[in-house]
Amino acid sequence: GLIVEQPSKTQDVIHTSEMLFVNSNGKEMYDGNPQDD
C-alpha cells in the first residue's frame, strides 16, 4: 500500500514513509510515519 511517485530519474522520490512493526508470530502490530525532523 505504498504510494511512490518519481516522474524522472533527476527528480526526488515522493513516497509513503510508513514504518511497520511485526511481532515474532509474523503479525503486524503497530505502524507510524517517521518525520523529517
PDB file of all heavy atoms in Angstrom:
ATOM      1  N   GLY A   1       0.800  -1.221   0.000  1.00  0.00           N
ATOM      2  CA  GLY A   1       0.000   0.000   0.000  1.00  0.00           C
ATOM      3  C   GLY A   1       0.830   1.266   0.000  1.00  0.00           C
ATOM      4  O   GLY A   1       0.408   2.307   0.528  1.00  0.00           O
ATOM      5  N   LEU A   2       2.030   1.192  -0.599  1.00  0.00           N
ATOM      6  CA  LEU A   2       2.920   2.344  -0.634  1.00  0.00           C
ATOM      7  C   LEU A   2       2.619   3.229  -1.843  1.00  0.00           C
ATOM      8  O   LEU A   2       2.435   2.733  -2.953  1.00  0.00           O
ATOM      9  CB  LEU A   2       4.385   1.898  -0.695  1.00  0.00           C
ATOM     10  CG  LEU A   2       4.882   1.001   0.437  1.00  0.00           C
ATOM     11  CD1 LEU A   2       6.330   0.599   0.196  1.00  0.00           C
ATOM     12  CD2 LEU A   2       4.742   1.704   1.780  1.00  0.00           C
ATOM     13  N   ILE A   3       2.587   4.523  -1.612  1.00  0.00           N
ATOM     14  CA  ILE A   3       2.448   5.485  -2.697  1.00  0.00           C
ATOM     15  C   ILE A   3       3.843   5.961  -3.072  1.00  0.00           C
ATOM     16  O   ILE A   3       4.583   6.496  -2.235  1.00  0.00           O
ATOM     17  CB  ILE A   3       1.583   6.679  -2.268  1.00  0.00           C
ATOM     18  CG1 ILE A   3       0.174   6.203  -1.915  1.00  0.00           C
ATOM     19  CG2 ILE A   3       1.536   7.736  -3.367  1.00  0.00           C
ATOM     20  CD1 ILE A   3      -0.708   7.283  -1.309  1.00  0.00           C
ATOM     21  N   VAL A   4       4.228   5.729  -4.317  1.00  0.00           N
ATOM     22  CA  VAL A   4       5.569   6.112  -4.786  1.00  0.00           C
ATOM     23  C   VAL A   4       5.420   6.907  -6.074  1.00  0.00           C
ATOM     24  O   VAL A   4       4.857   6.419  -7.054  1.00  0.00           O
ATOM     25  CB  VAL A   4       6.464   4.871  -5.029  1.00  0.00           C
ATOM     26  CG1 VAL A   4       7.842   5.310  -5.491  1.00  0.00           C
ATOM     27  CG2 VAL A   4       6.558   4.020  -3.771  1.00  0.00           C
ATOM     28  N   GLU A   5       5.959   8.128  -6.072  1.00  0.00           N
ATOM     29  CA  GLU A   5       5.903   8.979  -7.256  1.00  0.00           C
ATOM     30  C   GLU A   5       7.303   9.507  -7.580  1.00  0.00           C
ATOM     31  O   GLU A   5       7.959  10.079  -6.717  1.00  0.00           O
ATOM     32  CB  GLU A   5       4.945  10.151  -7.029  1.00  0.00           C
ATOM     33  CG  GLU A   5       3.512   9.731  -6.783  1.00  0.00           C
ATOM     34  CD  GLU A   5       2.596  10.913  -6.525  1.00  0.00           C
ATOM     35  OE1 GLU A   5       3.102  12.062  -6.554  1.00  0.00           O
ATOM     36  OE2 GLU A   5       1.397  10.703  -6.292  1.00  0.00           O
ATOM     37  N   GLN A   6       7.719   9.293  -8.808  1.00  0.00           N
ATOM     38  CA  GLN A   6       9.013   9.788  -9.274  1.00  0.00           C
ATOM     39  C   GLN A   6       8.958   9.884 -10.804  1.00  0.00           C
ATOM     40  O   GLN A   6       9.286   8.940 -11.507  1.00  0.00           O
ATOM     41  CB  GLN A   6      10.151   8.858  -8.842  1.00  0.00           C
ATOM     42  CG  GLN A   6      11.539   9.414  -9.165  1.00  0.00           C
ATOM     43  CD  GLN A   6      12.650   8.461  -8.748  1.00  0.00           C
ATOM     44  OE1 GLN A   6      12.411   7.275  -8.534  1.00  0.00           O
ATOM     45  NE2 GLN A   6      13.871   8.976  -8.649  1.00  0.00           N
ATOM     46  N   PRO A   7       8.539  11.037 -11.320  1.00  0.00           N
ATOM     47  CA  PRO A   7       8.365  11.204 -12.768  1.00  0.00           C
ATOM     48  C   PRO A   7       9.629  10.942 -13.584  1.00  0.00           C
ATOM     49  O   PRO A   7       9.561  10.443 -14.703  1.00  0.00           O
ATOM     50  CB  PRO A   7       7.927  12.665 -12.903  1.00  0.00           C
ATOM     51  CG  PRO A   7       7.334  12.991 -11.562  1.00  0.00           C
ATOM     52  CD  PRO A   7       8.160  12.230 -10.572  1.00  0.00           C
ATOM     53  N   SER A   8      10.803  11.272 -13.020  1.00  0.00           N
ATOM     54  CA  SER A   8      12.051  11.063 -13.763  1.00  0.00           C
ATOM     55  C   SER A   8      13.195  10.778 -12.795  1.00  0.00           C
ATOM     56  O   SER A   8      13.080  10.993 -11.591  1.00  0.00           O
ATOM     57  CB  SER A   8      12.392  12.291 -14.617  1.00  0.00           C
ATOM     58  OG  SER A   8      12.798  13.370 -13.790  1.00  0.00           O
ATOM     59  N   LYS A   9      14.309  10.328 -13.349  1.00  0.00           N
ATOM     60  CA  LYS A   9      15.470   9.951 -12.542  1.00  0.00           C
ATOM     61  C   LYS A   9      16.058  11.133 -11.788  1.00  0.00           C
ATOM     62  O   LYS A   9      16.639  10.975 -10.707  1.00  0.00           O
ATOM     63  CB  LYS A   9      16.540   9.322 -13.450  1.00  0.00           C
ATOM     64  CG  LYS A   9      17.739   8.752 -12.709  1.00  0.00           C
ATOM     65  CD  LYS A   9      18.686   8.056 -13.671  1.00  0.00           C
ATOM     66  CE  LYS A   9      19.868   7.423 -12.937  1.00  0.00           C
ATOM     67  NZ  LYS A   9      20.761   6.686 -13.863  1.00  0.00           N
ATOM     68  N   THR A  10      15.907  12.327 -12.345  1.00  0.00           N
ATOM     69  CA  THR A  10      16.515  13.508 -11.735  1.00  0.00           C
ATOM     70  C   THR A  10      15.625  14.154 -10.664  1.00  0.00           C
ATOM     71  O   THR A  10      16.060  15.070  -9.974  1.00  0.00           O
ATOM     72  CB  THR A  10      16.834  14.559 -12.813  1.00  0.00           C
ATOM     73  OG1 THR A  10      15.629  14.897 -13.522  1.00  0.00           O
ATOM     74  CG2 THR A  10      17.860  14.017 -13.803  1.00  0.00           C
ATOM     75  N   GLN A  11      14.413  13.682 -10.534  1.00  0.00           N
ATOM     76  CA  GLN A  11      13.503  14.266  -9.558  1.00  0.00           C
ATOM     77  C   GLN A  11      13.455  13.432  -8.275  1.00  0.00           C
ATOM     78  O   GLN A  11      13.709  12.227  -8.289  1.00  0.00           O
ATOM     79  CB  GLN A  11      12.090  14.381 -10.156  1.00  0.00           C
ATOM     80  CG  GLN A  11      11.999  15.415 -11.281  1.00  0.00           C
ATOM     81  CD  GLN A  11      10.601  15.510 -11.850  1.00  0.00           C
ATOM     82  OE1 GLN A  11      10.159  14.618 -12.578  1.00  0.00           O
ATOM     83  NE2 GLN A  11       9.898  16.585 -11.540  1.00  0.00           N
ATOM     84  N   ASP A  12      13.129  14.108  -7.175  1.00  0.00           N
ATOM     85  CA  ASP A  12      13.049  13.411  -5.884  1.00  0.00           C
ATOM     86  C   ASP A  12      11.892  12.422  -5.870  1.00  0.00           C
ATOM     87  O   ASP A  12      10.869  12.636  -6.524  1.00  0.00           O
ATOM     88  CB  ASP A  12      12.854  14.423  -4.752  1.00  0.00           C
ATOM     89  CG  ASP A  12      14.078  15.292  -4.529  1.00  0.00           C
ATOM     90  OD1 ASP A  12      15.175  14.853  -4.917  1.00  0.00           O
ATOM     91  OD2 ASP A  12      13.926  16.404  -3.982  1.00  0.00           O
ATOM     92  N   VAL A  13      12.084  11.357  -5.101  1.00  0.00           N
ATOM     93  CA  VAL A  13      11.019  10.377  -4.920  1.00  0.00           C
ATOM     94  C   VAL A  13      10.083  10.868  -3.814  1.00  0.00           C
ATOM     95  O   VAL A  13      10.532  11.230  -2.725  1.00  0.00           O
ATOM     96  CB  VAL A  13      11.581   8.994  -4.523  1.00  0.00           C
ATOM     97  CG1 VAL A  13      10.446   7.995  -4.354  1.00  0.00           C
ATOM     98  CG2 VAL A  13      12.566   8.509  -5.564  1.00  0.00           C
ATOM     99  N   ILE A  14       8.811  10.897  -4.130  1.00  0.00           N
ATOM    100  CA  ILE A  14       7.801  11.203  -3.113  1.00  0.00           C
ATOM    101  C   ILE A  14       7.154   9.866  -2.752  1.00  0.00           C
ATOM    102  O   ILE A  14       6.558   9.206  -3.614  1.00  0.00           O
ATOM    103  CB  ILE A  14       6.740  12.182  -3.650  1.00  0.00           C
ATOM    104  CG1 ILE A  14       7.410  13.498  -4.069  1.00  0.00           C
ATOM    105  CG2 ILE A  14       5.665  12.435  -2.593  1.00  0.00           C
ATOM    106  CD1 ILE A  14       6.477  14.458  -4.767  1.00  0.00           C
ATOM    107  N   HIS A  15       7.290   9.467  -1.511  1.00  0.00           N
ATOM    108  CA  HIS A  15       6.797   8.136  -1.149  1.00  0.00           C
ATOM    109  C   HIS A  15       6.268   8.077   0.272  1.00  0.00           C
ATOM    110  O   HIS A  15       6.610   8.904   1.121  1.00  0.00           O
ATOM    111  CB  HIS A  15       7.913   7.092  -1.309  1.00  0.00           C
ATOM    112  CG  HIS A  15       9.056   7.278  -0.355  1.00  0.00           C
ATOM    113  ND1 HIS A  15       9.097   6.674   0.880  1.00  0.00           N
ATOM    114  CD2 HIS A  15      10.208   7.994  -0.468  1.00  0.00           C
ATOM    115  CE1 HIS A  15      10.217   7.011   1.499  1.00  0.00           C
ATOM    116  NE2 HIS A  15      10.908   7.811   0.713  1.00  0.00           N
ATOM    117  N   THR A  16       5.441   7.085   0.508  1.00  0.00           N
ATOM    118  CA  THR A  16       4.942   6.795   1.851  1.00  0.00           C
ATOM    119  C   THR A  16       6.115   6.377   2.733  1.00  0.00           C
ATOM    120  O   THR A  16       6.982   5.623   2.301  1.00  0.00           O
ATOM    121  CB  THR A  16       3.921   5.639   1.803  1.00  0.00           C
ATOM    122  OG1 THR A  16       2.940   5.933   0.814  1.00  0.00           O
ATOM    123  CG2 THR A  16       3.243   5.459   3.147  1.00  0.00           C
ATOM    124  N   SER A  17       6.128   6.884   3.968  1.00  0.00           N
ATOM    125  CA  SER A  17       7.230   6.545   4.878  1.00  0.00           C
ATOM    126  C   SER A  17       6.764   5.692   6.050  1.00  0.00           C
ATOM    127  O   SER A  17       7.362   5.713   7.126  1.00  0.00           O
ATOM    128  CB  SER A  17       7.895   7.831   5.399  1.00  0.00           C
ATOM    129  OG  SER A  17       8.518   8.531   4.351  1.00  0.00           O
ATOM    130  N   GLU A  18       5.688   4.956   5.851  1.00  0.00           N
ATOM    131  CA  GLU A  18       5.111   4.175   6.950  1.00  0.00           C
ATOM    132  C   GLU A  18       6.043   3.079   7.441  1.00  0.00           C
ATOM    133  O   GLU A  18       6.526   2.262   6.678  1.00  0.00           O
ATOM    134  CB  GLU A  18       3.784   3.555   6.512  1.00  0.00           C
ATOM    135  CG  GLU A  18       3.061   2.823   7.629  1.00  0.00           C
ATOM    136  CD  GLU A  18       1.733   2.256   7.181  1.00  0.00           C
ATOM    137  OE1 GLU A  18       1.617   1.896   5.988  1.00  0.00           O
ATOM    138  OE2 GLU A  18       0.817   2.171   8.001  1.00  0.00           O
ATOM    139  N   MET A  19       6.285   3.089   8.749  1.00  0.00           N
ATOM    140  CA  MET A  19       7.099   2.063   9.402  1.00  0.00           C
ATOM    141  C   MET A  19       6.182   1.015  10.011  1.00  0.00           C
ATOM    142  O   MET A  19       5.260   1.345  10.750  1.00  0.00           O
ATOM    143  CB  MET A  19       7.978   2.694  10.489  1.00  0.00           C
ATOM    144  CG  MET A  19       8.864   1.707  11.240  1.00  0.00           C
ATOM    145  SD  MET A  19       9.884   2.521  12.521  1.00  0.00           S
ATOM    146  CE  MET A  19      11.079   3.410  11.508  1.00  0.00           C
ATOM    147  N   LEU A  20       6.433  -0.249   9.688  1.00  0.00           N
ATOM    148  CA  LEU A  20       5.618  -1.347  10.212  1.00  0.00           C
ATOM    149  C   LEU A  20       6.393  -2.128  11.264  1.00  0.00           C
ATOM    150  O   LEU A  20       7.571  -2.439  11.079  1.00  0.00           O
ATOM    151  CB  LEU A  20       5.201  -2.298   9.086  1.00  0.00           C
ATOM    152  CG  LEU A  20       4.298  -1.755   7.980  1.00  0.00           C
ATOM    153  CD1 LEU A  20       4.026  -2.858   6.955  1.00  0.00           C
ATOM    154  CD2 LEU A  20       2.988  -1.242   8.552  1.00  0.00           C
ATOM    155  N   PHE A  21       5.715  -2.464  12.339  1.00  0.00           N
ATOM    156  CA  PHE A  21       6.295  -3.289  13.393  1.00  0.00           C
ATOM    157  C   PHE A  21       5.592  -4.645  13.369  1.00  0.00           C
ATOM    158  O   PHE A  21       4.366  -4.714  13.534  1.00  0.00           O
ATOM    159  CB  PHE A  21       6.098  -2.632  14.761  1.00  0.00           C
ATOM    160  CG  PHE A  21       6.817  -1.320  14.924  1.00  0.00           C
ATOM    161  CD1 PHE A  21       6.227  -0.134  14.507  1.00  0.00           C
ATOM    162  CD2 PHE A  21       8.078  -1.273  15.493  1.00  0.00           C
ATOM    163  CE1 PHE A  21       6.875   1.085  14.652  1.00  0.00           C
ATOM    164  CE2 PHE A  21       8.755  -0.066  15.647  1.00  0.00           C
ATOM    165  CZ  PHE A  21       8.144   1.121  15.226  1.00  0.00           C
ATOM    166  N   VAL A  22       6.361  -5.696  13.166  1.00  0.00           N
ATOM    167  CA  VAL A  22       5.815  -7.052  13.044  1.00  0.00           C
ATOM    168  C   VAL A  22       6.359  -7.906  14.188  1.00  0.00           C
ATOM    169  O   VAL A  22       7.575  -7.920  14.435  1.00  0.00           O
ATOM    170  CB  VAL A  22       6.200  -7.684  11.685  1.00  0.00           C
ATOM    171  CG1 VAL A  22       5.612  -9.081  11.548  1.00  0.00           C
ATOM    172  CG2 VAL A  22       5.746  -6.789  10.533  1.00  0.00           C
ATOM    173  N   ASN A  23       5.474  -8.620  14.881  1.00  0.00           N
ATOM    174  CA  ASN A  23       5.934  -9.424  16.014  1.00  0.00           C
ATOM    175  C   ASN A  23       6.532 -10.755  15.561  1.00  0.00           C
ATOM    176  O   ASN A  23       6.539 -11.078  14.372  1.00  0.00           O
ATOM    177  CB  ASN A  23       4.807  -9.629  17.042  1.00  0.00           C
ATOM    178  CG  ASN A  23       3.668 -10.498  16.537  1.00  0.00           C
ATOM    179  OD1 ASN A  23       3.810 -11.246  15.565  1.00  0.00           O
ATOM    180  ND2 ASN A  23       2.527 -10.425  17.200  1.00  0.00           N
ATOM    181  N   SER A  24       7.021 -11.538  16.514  1.00  0.00           N
ATOM    182  CA  SER A  24       7.713 -12.783  16.180  1.00  0.00           C
ATOM    183  C   SER A  24       6.762 -13.863  15.656  1.00  0.00           C
ATOM    184  O   SER A  24       7.210 -14.887  15.147  1.00  0.00           O
ATOM    185  CB  SER A  24       8.462 -13.320  17.409  1.00  0.00           C
ATOM    186  OG  SER A  24       7.560 -13.558  18.473  1.00  0.00           O
ATOM    187  N   ASN A  25       5.464 -13.607  15.774  1.00  0.00           N
ATOM    188  CA  ASN A  25       4.470 -14.525  15.200  1.00  0.00           C
ATOM    189  C   ASN A  25       4.092 -14.129  13.775  1.00  0.00           C
ATOM    190  O   ASN A  25       3.198 -14.735  13.183  1.00  0.00           O
ATOM    191  CB  ASN A  25       3.215 -14.550  16.082  1.00  0.00           C
ATOM    192  CG  ASN A  25       3.497 -15.080  17.476  1.00  0.00           C
ATOM    193  OD1 ASN A  25       4.216 -16.058  17.634  1.00  0.00           O
ATOM    194  ND2 ASN A  25       2.949 -14.427  18.491  1.00  0.00           N
ATOM    195  N   GLY A  26       4.772 -13.105  13.251  1.00  0.00           N
ATOM    196  CA  GLY A  26       4.526 -12.692  11.880  1.00  0.00           C
ATOM    197  C   GLY A  26       3.306 -11.816  11.681  1.00  0.00           C
ATOM    198  O   GLY A  26       2.776 -11.734  10.574  1.00  0.00           O
ATOM    199  N   LYS A  27       2.856 -11.127  12.741  1.00  0.00           N
ATOM    200  CA  LYS A  27       1.680 -10.266  12.646  1.00  0.00           C
ATOM    201  C   LYS A  27       2.067  -8.791  12.793  1.00  0.00           C
ATOM    202  O   LYS A  27       2.844  -8.439  13.676  1.00  0.00           O
ATOM    203  CB  LYS A  27       0.661 -10.625  13.745  1.00  0.00           C
ATOM    204  CG  LYS A  27       0.140 -12.051  13.689  1.00  0.00           C
ATOM    205  CD  LYS A  27      -0.716 -12.297  12.460  1.00  0.00           C
ATOM    206  CE  LYS A  27      -1.305 -13.696  12.477  1.00  0.00           C
ATOM    207  NZ  LYS A  27      -2.103 -13.978  11.249  1.00  0.00           N
ATOM    208  N   GLU A  28       1.514  -7.955  11.920  1.00  0.00           N
ATOM    209  CA  GLU A  28       1.699  -6.515  12.073  1.00  0.00           C
ATOM    210  C   GLU A  28       1.024  -6.074  13.362  1.00  0.00           C
ATOM    211  O   GLU A  28      -0.116  -6.427  13.623  1.00  0.00           O
ATOM    212  CB  GLU A  28       1.083  -5.765  10.892  1.00  0.00           C
ATOM    213  CG  GLU A  28       1.766  -6.049   9.565  1.00  0.00           C
ATOM    214  CD  GLU A  28       1.101  -5.315   8.404  1.00  0.00           C
ATOM    215  OE1 GLU A  28       0.351  -4.348   8.674  1.00  0.00           O
ATOM    216  OE2 GLU A  28       1.315  -5.710   7.251  1.00  0.00           O
ATOM    217  N   MET A  29       1.737  -5.279  14.169  1.00  0.00           N
ATOM    218  CA  MET A  29       1.192  -4.858  15.457  1.00  0.00           C
ATOM    219  C   MET A  29       1.029  -3.335  15.560  1.00  0.00           C
ATOM    220  O   MET A  29       0.063  -2.846  16.133  1.00  0.00           O
ATOM    221  CB  MET A  29       2.105  -5.339  16.589  1.00  0.00           C
ATOM    222  CG  MET A  29       2.213  -6.855  16.703  1.00  0.00           C
ATOM    223  SD  MET A  29       0.641  -7.640  17.128  1.00  0.00           S
ATOM    224  CE  MET A  29       0.435  -7.078  18.808  1.00  0.00           C
ATOM    225  N   TYR A  30       2.001  -2.603  15.007  1.00  0.00           N
ATOM    226  CA  TYR A  30       1.976  -1.141  15.096  1.00  0.00           C
ATOM    227  C   TYR A  30       2.474  -0.557  13.779  1.00  0.00           C
ATOM    228  O   TYR A  30       3.201  -1.206  13.023  1.00  0.00           O
ATOM    229  CB  TYR A  30       2.867  -0.635  16.244  1.00  0.00           C
ATOM    230  CG  TYR A  30       2.485  -1.158  17.605  1.00  0.00           C
ATOM    231  CD1 TYR A  30       3.046  -2.324  18.109  1.00  0.00           C
ATOM    232  CD2 TYR A  30       1.550  -0.484  18.392  1.00  0.00           C
ATOM    233  CE1 TYR A  30       2.680  -2.820  19.350  1.00  0.00           C
ATOM    234  CE2 TYR A  30       1.181  -0.970  19.644  1.00  0.00           C
ATOM    235  CZ  TYR A  30       1.747  -2.135  20.114  1.00  0.00           C
ATOM    236  OH  TYR A  30       1.390  -2.628  21.345  1.00  0.00           O
ATOM    237  N   ASP A  31       2.100   0.706  13.527  1.00  0.00           N
ATOM    238  CA  ASP A  31       2.664   1.421  12.388  1.00  0.00           C
ATOM    239  C   ASP A  31       2.746   2.912  12.709  1.00  0.00           C
ATOM    240  O   ASP A  31       2.091   3.407  13.625  1.00  0.00           O
ATOM    241  CB  ASP A  31       1.853   1.180  11.108  1.00  0.00           C
ATOM    242  CG  ASP A  31       0.388   1.586  11.237  1.00  0.00           C
ATOM    243  OD1 ASP A  31       0.107   2.621  11.863  1.00  0.00           O
ATOM    244  OD2 ASP A  31      -0.475   0.861  10.717  1.00  0.00           O
ATOM    245  N   GLY A  32       3.583   3.591  11.969  1.00  0.00           N
ATOM    246  CA  GLY A  32       3.758   5.023  12.184  1.00  0.00           C
ATOM    247  C   GLY A  32       4.533   5.629  11.027  1.00  0.00           C
ATOM    248  O   GLY A  32       5.116   4.903  10.211  1.00  0.00           O
ATOM    249  N   ASN A  33       4.547   6.952  10.954  1.00  0.00           N
ATOM    250  CA  ASN A  33       5.248   7.643   9.873  1.00  0.00           C
ATOM    251  C   ASN A  33       6.350   8.529  10.436  1.00  0.00           C
ATOM    252  O   ASN A  33       6.072   9.616  10.967  1.00  0.00           O
ATOM    253  CB  ASN A  33       4.263   8.493   9.060  1.00  0.00           C
ATOM    254  CG  ASN A  33       3.347   7.654   8.200  1.00  0.00           C
ATOM    255  OD1 ASN A  33       3.749   7.128   7.180  1.00  0.00           O
ATOM    256  ND2 ASN A  33       2.098   7.512   8.635  1.00  0.00           N
ATOM    257  N   PRO A  34       7.603   8.057  10.353  1.00  0.00           N
ATOM    258  CA  PRO A  34       8.725   8.862  10.842  1.00  0.00           C
ATOM    259  C   PRO A  34       8.750  10.245  10.186  1.00  0.00           C
ATOM    260  O   PRO A  34       8.349  10.407   9.039  1.00  0.00           O
ATOM    261  CB  PRO A  34       9.948   8.032  10.435  1.00  0.00           C
ATOM    262  CG  PRO A  34       9.436   6.640  10.365  1.00  0.00           C
ATOM    263  CD  PRO A  34       8.037   6.772   9.820  1.00  0.00           C
ATOM    264  N   GLN A  35       9.250  11.222  10.934  1.00  0.00           N
ATOM    265  CA  GLN A  35       9.203  12.605  10.488  1.00  0.00           C
ATOM    266  C   GLN A  35      10.551  13.097   9.966  1.00  0.00           C
ATOM    267  O   GLN A  35      11.608  12.634  10.378  1.00  0.00           O
ATOM    268  CB  GLN A  35       8.736  13.494  11.645  1.00  0.00           C
ATOM    269  CG  GLN A  35       7.356  13.097  12.185  1.00  0.00           C
ATOM    270  CD  GLN A  35       7.174  13.469  13.650  1.00  0.00           C
ATOM    271  OE1 GLN A  35       7.973  14.191  14.216  1.00  0.00           O
ATOM    272  NE2 GLN A  35       6.118  12.959  14.253  1.00  0.00           N
ATOM    273  N   ASP A  36      10.469  14.061   9.062  1.00  0.00           N
ATOM    274  CA  ASP A  36      11.653  14.695   8.504  1.00  0.00           C
ATOM    275  C   ASP A  36      12.102  15.809   9.459  1.00  0.00           C
ATOM    276  O   ASP A  36      12.057  16.994   9.145  1.00  0.00           O
ATOM    277  CB  ASP A  36      11.311  15.264   7.117  1.00  0.00           C
ATOM    278  CG  ASP A  36      12.516  15.937   6.461  1.00  0.00           C
ATOM    279  OD1 ASP A  36      13.639  15.767   6.973  1.00  0.00           O
ATOM    280  OD2 ASP A  36      12.325  16.640   5.454  1.00  0.00           O
ATOM    281  N   ASP A  37      12.509  15.388  10.650  1.00  0.00           N
ATOM    282  CA  ASP A  37      12.867  16.344  11.694  1.00  0.00           C
ATOM    283  C   ASP A  37      13.907  15.717  12.610  1.00  0.00           C
ATOM    284  O   ASP A  37      13.601  14.801  13.381  1.00  0.00           O
ATOM    285  CB  ASP A  37      11.613  16.740  12.489  1.00  0.00           C
ATOM    286  CG  ASP A  37      11.889  17.788  13.557  1.00  0.00           C
ATOM    287  OD1 ASP A  37      13.057  18.197  13.710  1.00  0.00           O
ATOM    288  OD2 ASP A  37      10.929  18.194  14.235  1.00  0.00           O
TER     289      ASP A  37
END
